[in-house]
Amino acid sequence: MKTLIVYLAAQGDGGLSMLLMLALMFGIMYFFMIRPQQKKQKEIQNFRNAIERGQQMVTAGGLYGVVKEVDDVNNVLVVEVANGVRVRIDRNSVFASADNTLTEKK
């Protein structure tokens, strides 16, 4: 990367080489930073849309539980976090499957 910058700086045509360098830097940032983040967000959204009763999940706040009811109209889930303890949460606060987070830690 440094050799490319030195080469472009030595060319003498500052305007065109600067535009080329900026476009190259934006392309590198897109493929290494922006695109992977978009893929991860899409994966999380697909998980949220496919959630069903009996599935273990983790909220964005770190609350582990099992989905007991799904209300698609209000976009709300009823999650059992302990025996007999149920909470209502917004579907958009679901982060991932509890199975996925437990296997990643091992």
N, C-alpha and C. Protein backbone atom coordinates (compact mmCIF):
# COMPACT_ATOMS: atom_id res chain seq x y z
N MET A 1 0.83 -1.19 0.00
CA MET A 1 0.00 0.00 0.00
C MET A 1 0.88 1.25 0.00
N LYS A 2 1.95 1.23 0.80
CA LYS A 2 2.82 2.40 0.86
C LYS A 2 3.51 2.63 -0.48
N THR A 3 3.89 1.54 -1.16
CA THR A 3 4.55 1.69 -2.45
C THR A 3 3.60 2.30 -3.48
N LEU A 4 2.33 1.97 -3.41
CA LEU A 4 1.36 2.54 -4.33
C LEU A 4 1.21 4.04 -4.08
N ILE A 5 1.19 4.45 -2.83
CA ILE A 5 1.07 5.87 -2.50
C ILE A 5 2.30 6.63 -2.98
N VAL A 6 3.48 6.07 -2.76
CA VAL A 6 4.71 6.71 -3.20
C VAL A 6 4.73 6.80 -4.72
N TYR A 7 4.31 5.75 -5.41
CA TYR A 7 4.27 5.74 -6.87
C TYR A 7 3.32 6.80 -7.40
N LEU A 8 2.13 6.89 -6.81
CA LEU A 8 1.15 7.87 -7.28
C LEU A 8 1.61 9.29 -6.98
N ALA A 9 2.28 9.50 -5.88
CA ALA A 9 2.78 10.83 -5.54
C ALA A 9 3.90 11.27 -6.47
N ALA A 10 4.67 10.31 -6.98
CA ALA A 10 5.80 10.63 -7.84
C ALA A 10 5.38 10.90 -9.28
N GLN A 11 4.16 10.60 -9.64
CA GLN A 11 3.71 10.76 -11.02
C GLN A 11 3.62 12.22 -11.45
N GLY A 12 3.32 13.11 -10.55
CA GLY A 12 3.27 14.52 -10.91
C GLY A 12 1.87 15.04 -11.17
N ASP A 13 0.97 14.21 -11.67
CA ASP A 13 -0.41 14.63 -11.90
C ASP A 13 -1.18 14.42 -10.60
N GLY A 14 -1.17 15.42 -9.74
CA GLY A 14 -1.71 15.29 -8.40
C GLY A 14 -3.20 15.06 -8.33
N GLY A 15 -3.97 15.69 -9.20
CA GLY A 15 -5.42 15.59 -9.14
C GLY A 15 -5.94 14.21 -9.45
N LEU A 16 -5.50 13.64 -10.54
CA LEU A 16 -5.98 12.32 -10.95
C LEU A 16 -5.48 11.23 -10.03
N SER A 17 -4.22 11.32 -9.64
CA SER A 17 -3.68 10.28 -8.75
C SER A 17 -4.33 10.35 -7.37
N MET A 18 -4.68 11.54 -6.91
CA MET A 18 -5.34 11.67 -5.61
C MET A 18 -6.74 11.06 -5.67
N LEU A 19 -7.46 11.29 -6.75
CA LEU A 19 -8.79 10.68 -6.89
C LEU A 19 -8.70 9.16 -6.96
N LEU A 20 -7.72 8.67 -7.67
CA LEU A 20 -7.52 7.23 -7.77
C LEU A 20 -7.19 6.63 -6.41
N MET A 21 -6.34 7.30 -5.66
CA MET A 21 -5.97 6.82 -4.33
C MET A 21 -7.17 6.85 -3.38
N LEU A 22 -7.98 7.89 -3.41
CA LEU A 22 -9.17 7.96 -2.57
C LEU A 22 -10.17 6.86 -2.93
N ALA A 23 -10.36 6.62 -4.22
CA ALA A 23 -11.27 5.56 -4.65
C ALA A 23 -10.77 4.20 -4.20
N LEU A 24 -9.48 3.98 -4.28
CA LEU A 24 -8.88 2.72 -3.85
C LEU A 24 -9.05 2.54 -2.33
N MET A 25 -8.84 3.59 -1.57
CA MET A 25 -8.99 3.50 -0.12
C MET A 25 -10.45 3.24 0.25
N PHE A 26 -11.39 3.89 -0.44
CA PHE A 26 -12.80 3.65 -0.16
C PHE A 26 -13.17 2.21 -0.50
N GLY A 27 -12.66 1.69 -1.60
CA GLY A 27 -12.93 0.30 -1.98
C GLY A 27 -12.41 -0.68 -0.94
N ILE A 28 -11.23 -0.44 -0.43
CA ILE A 28 -10.65 -1.32 0.60
C ILE A 28 -11.49 -1.24 1.87
N MET A 29 -11.88 -0.04 2.28
CA MET A 29 -12.69 0.10 3.49
C MET A 29 -14.05 -0.58 3.32
N TYR A 30 -14.63 -0.48 2.12
CA TYR A 30 -15.93 -1.10 1.88
C TYR A 30 -15.84 -2.62 2.04
N PHE A 31 -14.86 -3.24 1.41
CA PHE A 31 -14.78 -4.70 1.42
C PHE A 31 -14.28 -5.28 2.74
N PHE A 32 -13.56 -4.51 3.53
CA PHE A 32 -13.04 -5.04 4.79
C PHE A 32 -13.82 -4.59 6.02
N MET A 33 -14.62 -3.53 5.91
CA MET A 33 -15.32 -3.04 7.09
C MET A 33 -16.83 -2.98 6.90
N ILE A 34 -17.29 -2.35 5.85
CA ILE A 34 -18.72 -2.11 5.69
C ILE A 34 -19.47 -3.36 5.26
N ARG A 35 -18.98 -4.06 4.27
CA ARG A 35 -19.68 -5.23 3.75
C ARG A 35 -19.83 -6.35 4.78
N PRO A 36 -18.79 -6.71 5.55
CA PRO A 36 -19.00 -7.75 6.57
C PRO A 36 -20.02 -7.35 7.63
N GLN A 37 -20.06 -6.07 8.00
CA GLN A 37 -21.04 -5.62 8.98
C GLN A 37 -22.45 -5.73 8.41
N GLN A 38 -22.64 -5.41 7.14
CA GLN A 38 -23.95 -5.54 6.52
C GLN A 38 -24.40 -6.99 6.47
N LYS A 39 -23.47 -7.90 6.19
CA LYS A 39 -23.80 -9.33 6.17
C LYS A 39 -24.24 -9.81 7.55
N LYS A 40 -23.56 -9.36 8.58
CA LYS A 40 -23.90 -9.77 9.95
C LYS A 40 -25.28 -9.23 10.34
N GLN A 41 -25.57 -7.98 10.00
CA GLN A 41 -26.88 -7.41 10.30
C GLN A 41 -27.99 -8.15 9.57
N LYS A 42 -27.74 -8.55 8.35
CA LYS A 42 -28.73 -9.30 7.58
C LYS A 42 -28.98 -10.67 8.22
N GLU A 43 -27.93 -11.30 8.69
CA GLU A 43 -28.05 -12.60 9.35
C GLU A 43 -28.87 -12.49 10.64
N ILE A 44 -28.63 -11.45 11.43
CA ILE A 44 -29.39 -11.24 12.67
C ILE A 44 -30.85 -10.97 12.35
N GLN A 45 -31.12 -10.16 11.32
CA GLN A 45 -32.51 -9.86 10.95
C GLN A 45 -33.23 -11.12 10.47
N ASN A 46 -32.55 -11.98 9.72
CA ASN A 46 -33.16 -13.23 9.29
C ASN A 46 -33.48 -14.13 10.49
N PHE A 47 -32.61 -14.14 11.49
CA PHE A 47 -32.87 -14.92 12.70
C PHE A 47 -34.10 -14.36 13.43
N ARG A 48 -34.19 -13.04 13.53
CA ARG A 48 -35.34 -12.42 14.22
C ARG A 48 -36.65 -12.76 13.53
N ASN A 49 -36.64 -12.77 12.21
CA ASN A 49 -37.86 -13.06 11.46
C ASN A 49 -38.26 -14.53 11.57
N ALA A 50 -37.31 -15.43 11.79
CA ALA A 50 -37.58 -16.87 11.81
C ALA A 50 -37.78 -17.41 13.22
N ILE A 51 -37.80 -16.56 14.22
CA ILE A 51 -37.89 -17.04 15.60
C ILE A 51 -39.27 -17.66 15.84
N GLU A 52 -39.29 -18.75 16.62
CA GLU A 52 -40.55 -19.47 16.89
C GLU A 52 -40.58 -19.96 18.33
N ARG A 53 -41.72 -20.48 18.73
CA ARG A 53 -41.90 -20.96 20.11
C ARG A 53 -40.92 -22.08 20.43
N GLY A 54 -40.43 -22.07 21.68
CA GLY A 54 -39.53 -23.10 22.16
C GLY A 54 -38.06 -22.87 21.83
N GLN A 55 -37.77 -21.83 21.12
CA GLN A 55 -36.39 -21.55 20.70
C GLN A 55 -35.67 -20.76 21.78
N GLN A 56 -34.41 -21.13 22.05
CA GLN A 56 -33.61 -20.38 23.01
C GLN A 56 -33.01 -19.18 22.30
N MET A 57 -32.94 -18.05 23.03
CA MET A 57 -32.42 -16.83 22.44
C MET A 57 -31.76 -15.95 23.49
N VAL A 58 -31.05 -14.94 23.00
CA VAL A 58 -30.36 -13.97 23.85
C VAL A 58 -30.78 -12.58 23.38
N THR A 59 -31.12 -11.71 24.32
CA THR A 59 -31.45 -10.34 23.96
C THR A 59 -30.16 -9.52 23.83
N ALA A 60 -30.31 -8.33 23.28
CA ALA A 60 -29.16 -7.44 23.15
C ALA A 60 -28.61 -7.04 24.51
N GLY A 61 -29.44 -7.10 25.55
CA GLY A 61 -29.00 -6.77 26.90
C GLY A 61 -28.37 -7.93 27.64
N GLY A 62 -28.34 -9.12 27.01
CA GLY A 62 -27.68 -10.27 27.62
C GLY A 62 -28.62 -11.18 28.39
N LEU A 63 -29.92 -11.04 28.21
CA LEU A 63 -30.90 -11.84 28.90
C LEU A 63 -31.16 -13.13 28.11
N TYR A 64 -30.88 -14.29 28.74
CA TYR A 64 -31.10 -15.58 28.10
C TYR A 64 -32.49 -16.07 28.44
N GLY A 65 -33.16 -16.71 27.48
CA GLY A 65 -34.47 -17.25 27.75
C GLY A 65 -34.98 -18.13 26.62
N VAL A 66 -36.19 -18.65 26.84
CA VAL A 66 -36.86 -19.51 25.86
C VAL A 66 -38.13 -18.80 25.42
N VAL A 67 -38.35 -18.74 24.11
CA VAL A 67 -39.53 -18.08 23.58
C VAL A 67 -40.76 -18.92 23.86
N LYS A 68 -41.76 -18.34 24.52
CA LYS A 68 -43.00 -19.03 24.85
C LYS A 68 -44.15 -18.61 23.94
N GLU A 69 -44.19 -17.34 23.54
CA GLU A 69 -45.24 -16.84 22.66
C GLU A 69 -44.63 -15.85 21.67
N VAL A 70 -45.21 -15.83 20.46
CA VAL A 70 -44.78 -14.89 19.43
C VAL A 70 -46.00 -14.10 18.98
N ASP A 71 -45.94 -12.78 19.12
CA ASP A 71 -47.02 -11.90 18.69
C ASP A 71 -46.52 -11.12 17.48
N ASP A 72 -46.88 -11.61 16.27
CA ASP A 72 -46.39 -10.97 15.05
C ASP A 72 -47.04 -9.61 14.81
N VAL A 73 -48.26 -9.42 15.30
CA VAL A 73 -48.96 -8.16 15.07
C VAL A 73 -48.26 -7.01 15.79
N ASN A 74 -47.92 -7.22 17.07
CA ASN A 74 -47.27 -6.17 17.86
C ASN A 74 -45.76 -6.28 17.86
N ASN A 75 -45.22 -7.30 17.19
CA ASN A 75 -43.77 -7.50 17.10
C ASN A 75 -43.15 -7.72 18.48
N VAL A 76 -43.84 -8.53 19.31
CA VAL A 76 -43.45 -8.77 20.70
C VAL A 76 -43.28 -10.26 20.92
N LEU A 77 -42.32 -10.62 21.77
CA LEU A 77 -42.10 -12.00 22.17
C LEU A 77 -42.30 -12.10 23.68
N VAL A 78 -42.89 -13.22 24.12
CA VAL A 78 -42.95 -13.52 25.55
C VAL A 78 -41.88 -14.57 25.80
N VAL A 79 -40.93 -14.22 26.66
CA VAL A 79 -39.76 -15.06 26.89
C VAL A 79 -39.74 -15.50 28.35
N GLU A 80 -39.52 -16.79 28.57
CA GLU A 80 -39.40 -17.31 29.93
C GLU A 80 -37.92 -17.33 30.29
N VAL A 81 -37.54 -16.54 31.30
CA VAL A 81 -36.15 -16.41 31.70
C VAL A 81 -35.81 -17.31 32.88
N ALA A 82 -36.81 -17.76 33.63
CA ALA A 82 -36.67 -18.71 34.74
C ALA A 82 -38.00 -19.43 34.87
N ASN A 83 -38.06 -20.46 35.69
CA ASN A 83 -39.30 -21.19 35.85
C ASN A 83 -40.40 -20.26 36.34
N GLY A 84 -41.42 -20.06 35.50
CA GLY A 84 -42.55 -19.23 35.87
C GLY A 84 -42.33 -17.74 35.72
N VAL A 85 -41.16 -17.31 35.30
CA VAL A 85 -40.87 -15.88 35.13
C VAL A 85 -40.85 -15.58 33.63
N ARG A 86 -41.85 -14.82 33.19
CA ARG A 86 -41.96 -14.47 31.78
C ARG A 86 -41.90 -12.97 31.60
N VAL A 87 -41.21 -12.56 30.57
CA VAL A 87 -41.09 -11.13 30.25
C VAL A 87 -41.49 -10.92 28.79
N ARG A 88 -42.03 -9.74 28.53
CA ARG A 88 -42.36 -9.36 27.15
C ARG A 88 -41.22 -8.49 26.62
N ILE A 89 -40.73 -8.84 25.45
CA ILE A 89 -39.65 -8.06 24.85
C ILE A 89 -39.99 -7.76 23.39
N ASP A 90 -39.40 -6.72 22.89
CA ASP A 90 -39.55 -6.37 21.49
C ASP A 90 -38.69 -7.32 20.65
N ARG A 91 -39.21 -7.75 19.52
CA ARG A 91 -38.49 -8.69 18.67
C ARG A 91 -37.16 -8.11 18.19
N ASN A 92 -37.08 -6.80 18.01
CA ASN A 92 -35.84 -6.18 17.53
C ASN A 92 -34.72 -6.19 18.57
N SER A 93 -35.04 -6.52 19.83
CA SER A 93 -33.99 -6.59 20.84
C SER A 93 -33.36 -7.98 20.92
N VAL A 94 -33.85 -8.92 20.13
CA VAL A 94 -33.26 -10.25 20.09
C VAL A 94 -31.94 -10.17 19.35
N PHE A 95 -30.90 -10.72 19.97
CA PHE A 95 -29.56 -10.64 19.38
C PHE A 95 -29.21 -11.91 18.60
N ALA A 96 -29.31 -13.06 19.24
CA ALA A 96 -28.89 -14.30 18.59
C ALA A 96 -29.50 -15.48 19.30
N SER A 97 -29.27 -16.63 18.72
CA SER A 97 -29.69 -17.87 19.34
C SER A 97 -28.75 -18.18 20.51
N ALA A 98 -29.29 -18.67 21.60
CA ALA A 98 -28.46 -19.01 22.76
C ALA A 98 -27.50 -20.14 22.41
N ASP A 99 -27.91 -21.02 21.52
CA ASP A 99 -27.03 -22.12 21.10
C ASP A 99 -25.78 -21.58 20.41
N ASN A 100 -25.95 -20.56 19.58
CA ASN A 100 -24.81 -19.97 18.86
C ASN A 100 -23.85 -19.30 19.82
N THR A 101 -24.35 -18.59 20.82
CA THR A 101 -23.46 -17.87 21.73
C THR A 101 -22.73 -18.83 22.65
N LEU A 102 -23.35 -19.93 23.03
CA LEU A 102 -22.68 -20.90 23.89
C LEU A 102 -21.58 -21.64 23.15
N THR A 103 -21.78 -21.95 21.87
CA THR A 103 -20.75 -22.66 21.12
C THR A 103 -19.60 -21.74 20.77
N GLU A 104 -19.84 -20.43 20.60
CA GLU A 104 -18.76 -19.50 20.29
C GLU A 104 -17.82 -19.30 21.46
N LYS A 105 -18.31 -19.42 22.70
CA LYS A 105 -17.48 -19.21 23.88
C LYS A 105 -16.54 -20.37 24.14
N LYS A 106 -16.87 -21.56 23.66
CA LYS A 106 -16.05 -22.74 23.94
C LYS A 106 -14.80 -22.78 23.13
